[in-house]
Protein backbone atom coordinates (compact mmCIF):
# COMPACT_ATOMS: atom_id res chain seq x y z
CA UNK A 1 9.32 -27.56 41.51
CA UNK A 2 12.49 -27.07 39.99
CA UNK A 3 15.47 -26.10 41.07
CA UNK A 4 15.68 -23.09 39.32
CA UNK A 5 12.44 -21.98 40.63
CA UNK A 6 13.33 -22.78 44.10
CA UNK A 7 16.30 -20.49 43.90
CA UNK A 8 14.60 -17.77 42.36
CA UNK A 9 12.25 -17.90 45.08
CA UNK A 10 15.19 -18.06 47.92
CA UNK A 11 16.95 -14.75 45.67
CA UNK A 12 13.58 -13.09 46.22
CA UNK A 13 13.27 -13.97 50.11
CA UNK A 14 17.24 -12.36 50.33
CA UNK A 15 16.13 -9.24 48.74
CA UNK A 16 12.98 -9.03 50.71
CA UNK A 17 15.38 -9.40 53.74
CA UNK A 18 17.44 -6.79 52.27
CA UNK A 19 14.95 -4.23 51.81
CA UNK A 20 12.79 -4.52 55.09
CA UNK A 21 16.05 -4.47 57.23
CA UNK A 22 18.95 -2.09 55.67
CA UNK A 23 15.51 0.03 54.62
CA UNK A 24 15.50 1.56 57.92
CA UNK A 25 18.96 1.80 58.10
CA UNK A 26 18.91 4.14 54.84
CA UNK A 27 16.05 5.93 55.98
CA UNK A 28 17.68 6.83 59.54
CA UNK A 29 20.98 7.90 57.46
CA UNK A 30 19.24 10.19 55.05
CA UNK A 31 17.18 11.89 58.16
CA UNK A 32 20.45 12.67 60.21
CA UNK A 33 20.65 16.11 58.94
CA UNK A 34 16.94 16.52 59.49
CA UNK A 35 16.11 15.29 62.76
CA UNK A 36 19.66 15.37 64.20
CA UNK A 37 19.65 19.32 65.53
CA UNK A 38 22.30 18.50 68.58
CA UNK A 39 25.10 16.33 68.66
CA UNK A 40 23.40 14.07 71.36
CA UNK A 41 20.19 13.88 68.92
CA UNK A 42 22.75 12.59 66.07
CA UNK A 43 24.12 10.28 68.18
CA UNK A 44 20.73 8.75 69.22
CA UNK A 45 19.59 8.14 65.66
CA UNK A 46 23.11 6.63 64.92
CA UNK A 47 22.86 4.33 67.90
CA UNK A 48 19.35 3.26 66.69
CA UNK A 49 21.02 1.49 63.81
CA UNK A 50 24.34 1.06 65.08
CA UNK A 51 24.10 -2.68 66.15
CA UNK A 52 22.25 -3.76 63.19
CA UNK A 53 23.62 -1.89 59.62
CA UNK A 54 26.49 -4.20 59.03
CA UNK A 55 24.36 -7.49 59.56
CA UNK A 56 21.78 -6.28 57.66
CA UNK A 57 24.07 -5.66 54.87
CA UNK A 58 25.14 -9.40 54.69
CA UNK A 59 21.50 -9.70 52.84
CA UNK A 60 22.91 -7.88 50.00
CA UNK A 61 26.14 -9.73 49.81
CA UNK A 62 24.21 -13.13 50.09
CA UNK A 63 21.61 -11.96 47.29
CA UNK A 64 24.68 -11.25 44.92
CA UNK A 65 26.54 -14.57 45.68
CA UNK A 66 23.44 -16.58 45.38
CA UNK A 67 22.74 -15.01 42.08
CA UNK A 68 26.54 -15.54 40.90
CA UNK A 69 26.03 -19.39 42.05
CA UNK A 70 22.81 -20.30 40.80
CA UNK A 71 22.13 -17.89 38.01
CA UNK A 72 25.64 -16.86 36.64
CA UNK A 73 24.36 -15.55 33.09
CA UNK A 74 22.18 -13.36 35.03
CA UNK A 75 24.85 -12.03 37.32
CA UNK A 76 27.48 -11.43 34.29
CA UNK A 77 24.65 -9.97 32.31
CA UNK A 78 23.19 -7.46 35.27
CA UNK A 79 26.71 -6.12 36.30
CA UNK A 80 28.30 -5.73 33.01
CA UNK A 81 24.99 -3.92 31.95
CA UNK A 82 24.32 -1.91 35.09
CA UNK A 83 28.14 -1.57 35.85
CA UNK A 84 28.22 2.16 36.57
CA UNK A 85 25.35 2.15 38.77
CA UNK A 86 26.29 -0.49 40.88
CA UNK A 87 29.83 0.56 41.22
CA UNK A 88 28.23 4.34 42.49
CA UNK A 89 26.00 1.89 44.96
CA UNK A 90 29.39 0.34 46.06
CA UNK A 91 30.89 3.77 46.62
CA UNK A 92 27.89 5.02 48.71
CA UNK A 93 28.12 1.93 50.71
CA UNK A 94 31.77 2.40 51.51
CA UNK A 95 31.33 6.05 52.30
CA UNK A 96 28.16 5.49 54.70
CA UNK A 97 30.17 2.64 56.67
CA UNK A 98 33.17 4.70 57.12
CA UNK A 99 31.15 7.70 58.42
CA UNK A 100 28.98 5.54 60.69
CA UNK A 101 32.31 3.72 62.04
CA UNK A 102 34.78 6.77 61.88
CA UNK A 103 32.43 9.75 63.19
CA UNK A 104 32.92 9.46 66.58
CA UNK A 105 36.62 8.46 66.38
CA UNK A 106 37.93 12.02 66.97
CA UNK A 107 36.75 14.79 68.94
CA UNK A 108 36.53 17.54 66.55
CA UNK A 109 33.47 19.31 65.54
CA UNK A 110 34.75 19.82 61.96
CA UNK A 111 35.64 16.02 61.69
CA UNK A 112 32.15 15.27 62.62
CA UNK A 113 30.89 17.79 60.30
CA UNK A 114 32.43 15.77 57.39
CA UNK A 115 30.89 12.68 58.30
CA UNK A 116 27.48 13.93 58.77
CA UNK A 117 27.65 14.83 55.35
CA UNK A 118 28.82 11.76 54.05
CA UNK A 119 25.96 9.37 55.93
CA UNK A 120 23.33 10.84 54.28
CA UNK A 121 24.82 10.78 51.21
CA UNK A 122 25.71 7.29 51.41
CA UNK A 123 22.45 6.30 52.18
CA UNK A 124 20.61 8.33 49.77
CA UNK A 125 22.58 7.31 47.07
CA UNK A 126 22.46 3.45 47.19
CA UNK A 127 18.74 3.87 47.87
CA UNK A 128 18.00 6.11 44.65
CA UNK A 129 20.02 3.63 42.53
CA UNK A 130 18.65 0.24 43.46
CA UNK A 131 15.45 1.85 43.29
CA UNK A 132 16.15 2.97 39.33
CA UNK A 133 17.97 -0.51 38.78
CA UNK A 134 14.82 -2.84 39.69
CA UNK A 135 12.53 -0.48 37.97
CA UNK A 136 14.64 -1.00 34.72
CA UNK A 137 14.85 -4.71 35.21
CA UNK A 138 11.32 -5.18 35.37
CA UNK A 139 10.18 -2.65 32.73
CA UNK A 140 13.03 -4.47 30.42
CA UNK A 141 16.53 -3.26 28.94
CA UNK A 142 18.13 -3.70 25.71
CA UNK A 143 19.68 -6.79 25.65
CA UNK A 144 20.86 -8.88 22.59
CA UNK A 145 21.81 -12.49 22.50
CA UNK A 146 24.95 -13.86 20.84
CA UNK A 147 25.89 -17.46 19.99
CA UNK A 148 29.16 -18.84 20.91
CA UNK A 149 30.88 -17.50 18.00
CA UNK A 150 29.98 -13.86 18.98
CA UNK A 151 27.28 -13.42 16.36
CA UNK A 152 24.13 -11.49 17.13
CA UNK A 153 20.89 -13.42 17.33
CA UNK A 154 18.10 -11.50 16.46
CA UNK A 155 15.92 -13.98 14.68
CA UNK A 156 13.92 -16.99 15.81
CA UNK A 157 15.62 -18.84 12.87
CA UNK A 158 18.69 -18.33 13.73
CA UNK A 159 18.47 -20.40 16.74
CA UNK A 160 19.22 -23.90 16.74
CA UNK A 161 16.78 -26.49 17.88
CA UNK A 162 17.48 -29.49 19.87
CA UNK A 163 16.94 -32.77 17.81
CA UNK A 164 14.18 -33.31 20.80
CA UNK A 165 12.48 -30.28 19.81
CA UNK A 166 12.42 -30.73 16.11
CA UNK A 167 8.80 -30.91 16.00
CA UNK A 168 8.51 -27.33 17.45
CA UNK A 169 7.90 -25.11 14.16
CA UNK A 170 8.77 -21.83 16.33
CA UNK A 171 11.68 -21.63 18.59
CA UNK A 172 9.62 -19.27 20.48
CA UNK A 173 6.83 -21.91 21.43
CA UNK A 174 8.19 -23.86 24.25
CA UNK A 175 10.33 -20.43 24.80
CA UNK A 176 13.00 -21.09 27.14
CA UNK A 177 13.83 -24.60 26.07
CA UNK A 178 14.55 -23.60 22.95
CA UNK A 179 16.63 -20.87 23.75
CA UNK A 180 18.36 -22.73 26.39
CA UNK A 181 19.78 -25.25 23.86
CA UNK A 182 20.49 -22.81 20.94
CA UNK A 183 22.38 -20.25 23.09
CA UNK A 184 24.16 -22.22 25.56
CA UNK A 185 27.84 -21.21 25.92
CA UNK A 186 26.66 -17.70 24.52
CA UNK A 187 26.23 -14.58 25.61
CA UNK A 188 23.53 -11.89 26.66
CA UNK A 189 24.69 -8.71 26.19
CA UNK A 190 23.57 -5.12 27.40
CA UNK A 191 23.18 -2.77 24.31
CA UNK A 192 22.17 0.37 26.31
CA UNK A 193 24.05 3.14 28.17
CA UNK A 194 23.91 4.89 31.41
CA UNK A 195 21.29 7.36 29.92
CA UNK A 196 19.07 4.55 28.85
CA UNK A 197 18.96 3.34 32.55
CA UNK A 198 17.92 6.95 33.31
CA UNK A 199 14.44 7.18 32.01
CA UNK A 200 11.72 8.92 33.24
CA UNK A 201 10.00 5.63 34.72
CA UNK A 202 13.33 4.57 36.55
CA UNK A 203 13.83 8.07 38.17
CA UNK A 204 10.06 7.63 39.51
CA UNK A 205 11.26 4.30 40.69
CA UNK A 206 14.52 5.83 42.28
CA UNK A 207 12.78 8.74 44.20
CA UNK A 208 9.64 6.40 45.12
CA UNK A 209 12.27 3.78 47.15
CA UNK A 210 13.64 7.16 48.75
CA UNK A 211 10.30 8.53 49.58
CA UNK A 212 9.35 4.68 51.16
CA UNK A 213 12.76 4.39 53.09
CA UNK A 214 12.31 8.08 54.44
CA UNK A 215 9.03 7.00 55.82
CA UNK A 216 10.09 3.82 57.14
CA UNK A 217 13.41 5.28 58.65
CA UNK A 218 11.20 7.89 60.75
CA UNK A 219 8.90 5.31 61.89
CA UNK A 220 11.74 3.17 63.27
CA UNK A 221 13.18 6.30 64.99
CA UNK A 222 9.92 6.63 66.80
CA UNK A 223 9.90 3.10 67.56
CA UNK A 224 13.17 2.98 68.98
CA UNK A 225 13.83 6.49 70.60
CA UNK A 226 12.31 8.56 73.30
CA UNK A 227 11.90 12.42 73.57
CA UNK A 228 12.17 15.09 70.96
CA UNK A 229 13.56 12.69 68.34
CA UNK A 230 10.57 10.49 68.64
CA UNK A 231 7.92 12.74 68.27
CA UNK A 232 9.64 14.82 65.34
CA UNK A 233 9.97 11.62 63.65
CA UNK A 234 6.83 10.53 64.09
CA UNK A 235 5.30 13.91 62.80
CA UNK A 236 7.65 13.81 59.62
CA UNK A 237 6.74 10.16 58.94
CA UNK A 238 2.79 11.70 58.11
CA UNK A 239 3.69 14.11 55.03
CA UNK A 240 6.91 12.17 53.56
CA UNK A 241 4.25 8.80 53.77
CA UNK A 242 1.62 10.56 51.95
CA UNK A 243 4.54 11.56 48.94
CA UNK A 244 5.58 8.03 49.26
CA UNK A 245 2.21 6.13 48.89
CA UNK A 246 1.42 8.54 45.64
CA UNK A 247 4.63 7.60 44.24
CA UNK A 248 4.71 4.08 44.91
CA UNK A 249 0.96 3.68 43.66
CA UNK A 250 1.73 5.09 40.28
CA UNK A 251 4.66 3.32 39.80
CA UNK A 252 3.32 -0.05 40.79
CA UNK A 253 0.30 0.45 38.69
CA UNK A 254 2.18 1.53 35.59
CA UNK A 255 4.44 -1.58 35.94
CA UNK A 256 1.72 -3.93 36.71
CA UNK A 257 -0.08 -2.74 33.41
CA UNK A 258 3.14 -3.20 31.60
CA UNK A 259 4.64 -6.45 32.95
CA UNK A 260 2.03 -7.75 35.64
CA UNK A 261 0.53 -10.57 36.36
CA UNK A 262 -2.57 -11.80 38.78
CA UNK A 263 -0.09 -12.69 41.56
CA UNK A 264 1.68 -9.39 41.34
CA UNK A 265 -1.76 -7.27 41.20
CA UNK A 266 -2.38 -9.57 44.31
CA UNK A 267 0.78 -8.97 46.46
CA UNK A 268 0.31 -5.10 45.15
CA UNK A 269 -2.57 -4.87 46.99
CA UNK A 270 -1.67 -6.47 50.02
CA UNK A 271 1.65 -3.97 49.80
CA UNK A 272 -0.86 -0.96 49.58
CA UNK A 273 -3.24 -1.96 52.49
CA UNK A 274 -0.21 -2.75 54.68
CA UNK A 275 1.43 0.88 53.92
CA UNK A 276 -2.05 2.28 54.70
CA UNK A 277 -2.44 0.72 57.81
CA UNK A 278 1.10 1.52 59.00
CA UNK A 279 0.43 5.34 58.07
CA UNK A 280 -2.97 5.44 59.99
CA UNK A 281 -0.88 3.11 63.08
CA UNK A 282 1.60 6.12 62.88
CA UNK A 283 -1.22 9.12 63.13
CA UNK A 284 -2.36 6.78 65.94
CA UNK A 285 1.33 6.95 67.67
CA UNK A 286 1.18 3.22 67.42
CA UNK A 287 4.65 2.87 66.63
CA UNK A 288 5.01 -0.91 66.82
CA UNK A 289 2.27 -1.39 64.09
CA UNK A 290 3.58 1.58 62.43
CA UNK A 291 6.84 -0.35 62.00
CA UNK A 292 5.00 -3.67 61.29
CA UNK A 293 2.96 -2.07 58.42
CA UNK A 294 5.86 -0.65 56.84
CA UNK A 295 7.67 -3.82 56.94
CA UNK A 296 4.96 -5.85 55.62
CA UNK A 297 4.29 -3.18 52.69
CA UNK A 298 8.01 -2.98 51.85
CA UNK A 299 8.56 -6.78 51.27
CA UNK A 300 5.56 -7.49 49.62
CA UNK A 301 6.52 -4.62 47.15
CA UNK A 302 9.59 -6.66 46.22
CA UNK A 303 7.59 -9.74 46.05
CA UNK A 304 5.17 -7.97 43.59
CA UNK A 305 8.26 -7.09 41.58
CA UNK A 306 9.78 -10.28 41.13
CA UNK A 307 6.28 -11.76 40.55
CA UNK A 308 6.13 -9.59 37.42
CA UNK A 309 9.36 -11.30 36.28
CA UNK A 310 8.74 -14.65 36.68
CA UNK A 311 9.99 -16.65 35.03
CA UNK A 312 12.24 -14.15 33.46
CA UNK A 313 15.03 -12.46 35.22
CA UNK A 314 16.06 -9.79 32.73
CA UNK A 315 13.24 -8.95 30.44
CA UNK A 316 15.13 -7.73 26.82
CA UNK A 317 13.17 -4.59 25.05
CA UNK A 318 15.09 -5.19 21.94
CA UNK A 319 13.68 -8.93 21.25
CA UNK A 320 12.29 -12.17 23.03
CA UNK A 321 15.29 -13.91 22.04
CA UNK A 322 17.48 -11.51 24.25
CA UNK A 323 15.44 -12.28 27.32
CA UNK A 324 17.36 -13.95 30.34
CA UNK A 325 14.97 -16.43 32.18
CA UNK A 326 15.54 -18.91 35.17
CA UNK A 327 16.21 -21.69 32.60
CA UNK A 328 18.33 -20.23 30.05
CA UNK A 329 20.72 -18.28 32.70
CA UNK A 330 21.17 -20.82 35.36
CA UNK A 331 23.94 -23.26 36.66
CA UNK A 332 23.94 -26.97 36.69
CA UNK A 333 21.41 -29.12 38.28
CA UNK A 334 24.60 -30.70 40.56
CA UNK A 335 25.55 -27.08 41.36
CA UNK A 336 22.08 -25.85 42.28
CA UNK A 337 21.48 -29.19 44.45
CA UNK A 338 24.87 -28.68 46.17
CA UNK A 339 23.79 -24.96 47.23
CA UNK A 340 20.45 -26.06 48.29
CA UNK A 341 21.76 -28.20 51.20
CA UNK A 342 24.12 -25.46 52.18
CA UNK A 343 21.21 -23.24 52.12
CA UNK A 344 19.26 -25.61 54.29
CA UNK A 345 21.81 -25.97 56.92
CA UNK A 346 23.19 -22.53 57.37
CA UNK A 347 19.96 -20.18 56.81
CA UNK A 348 18.30 -20.96 60.09
CA UNK A 349 21.68 -20.14 62.09
CA UNK A 350 21.99 -16.80 59.96
CA UNK A 351 18.34 -16.19 60.74
CA UNK A 352 18.65 -17.11 64.41
CA UNK A 353 21.47 -14.74 65.24
CA UNK A 354 19.43 -11.95 63.56
CA UNK A 355 16.46 -12.43 65.69
CA UNK A 356 19.07 -12.29 68.94
CA UNK A 357 20.24 -9.20 67.75
CA UNK A 358 17.22 -7.42 67.73
CA UNK A 359 15.84 -8.91 70.73
CA UNK A 360 18.91 -7.93 72.73
CA UNK A 361 19.14 -4.38 71.56
CA UNK A 362 15.06 -3.62 71.53
CA UNK A 363 14.99 -0.86 74.23
CA UNK A 364 14.43 2.96 73.34
CA UNK A 365 17.19 5.43 73.86
CA UNK A 366 17.16 8.81 74.46
CA UNK A 367 19.43 11.95 74.72
CA UNK A 368 19.64 11.16 78.34
CA UNK A 369 21.42 7.66 77.51
CA UNK A 370 23.74 9.29 75.79
CA UNK A 371 27.50 10.08 77.54
CA UNK A 372 29.69 12.93 76.51
CA UNK A 373 31.89 12.43 73.67
CA UNK A 374 34.90 11.99 75.51
CA UNK A 375 34.49 11.76 79.73
CA UNK A 376 37.25 12.91 81.69
CA UNK A 377 39.57 10.44 82.96
CA UNK A 378 40.61 10.99 86.51
CA UNK A 379 44.55 11.08 87.38
CA UNK A 380 45.48 7.76 89.24
CA UNK A 381 46.91 8.51 92.70
CA UNK A 382 50.60 8.22 92.58
CA UNK A 383 52.37 6.79 95.96
CA UNK A 384 55.09 8.97 97.09
CA UNK A 385 58.32 7.26 97.47
CA UNK A 386 59.40 6.99 101.15
């Protein structure tokens, strides 16, 4: 296995970790105005994710950092081409974080009302835009390669071939090797616009992620709470899960037909079976198995999407020369080797901490566990002089 392939797999693991852990946080945030009928119920919902949401976001930061370090050309093309959607994702994450942190800082109904709007909006926006982004990445976006002089390369004959590959008559044969040698030091430039990204299939991808995470969040609430919220969340997960399953099935079939390979079909089937098992477990009021089914389903959907890509990381819909692969977008061998040792040493500590946090906060909570917003403070007895 090459180091490029190893780091592609590690980035897949980071994205899987992000969506299976942060996914229920988004779901709970979006459900706040739906299931949180009273102040106590809203506080119960927020407390279910309170110990975890900021730690779960570390998976996103690590995925972005790993992409920057291991595949800088992929990172540069992605963040420049998807600049506005990713900026909106960042804005949503900031709004949600502020809502979760500052909602309880003042004893004011009006203060809490505004943050009760910020939390679901800050959860909905990233969930939808991540779905749009990943759908576009898999289906391909308009990218044109430029050489080191800034000239667009649209014809394979324009690509200079290494003397080691002179026997290759067409640079597309042995593809990434020839392109890596010919365009090294050049740029891969996204030539579309925001409206290019907001195509019907991508919008379906965004709505699918929203529906799936709503289901996931409802099942998580059923697992972590007791009382009315538990029953209402479990009841809501049933119809929302049907919508999510229908949207996800259509989306994954279209993407697999367009870009899929044998492995992506296999992973998709596993995801579908896990989703159905989770949905049936929810019907049977087995919240633990329901959550496990959704956990596995979301993880394998992410794996299936990356399996459709490999060895590409950003397919070009313009021409094959604009396609970014793990080979023509990676860092040097030395950089990848150093990163591999760092990951090997520190990743177990991060996983151990995350597991410990979930174990410590494993108990269910209900409105009976929620104290008043501001408990009255008994005045201290003041001794009288003399």
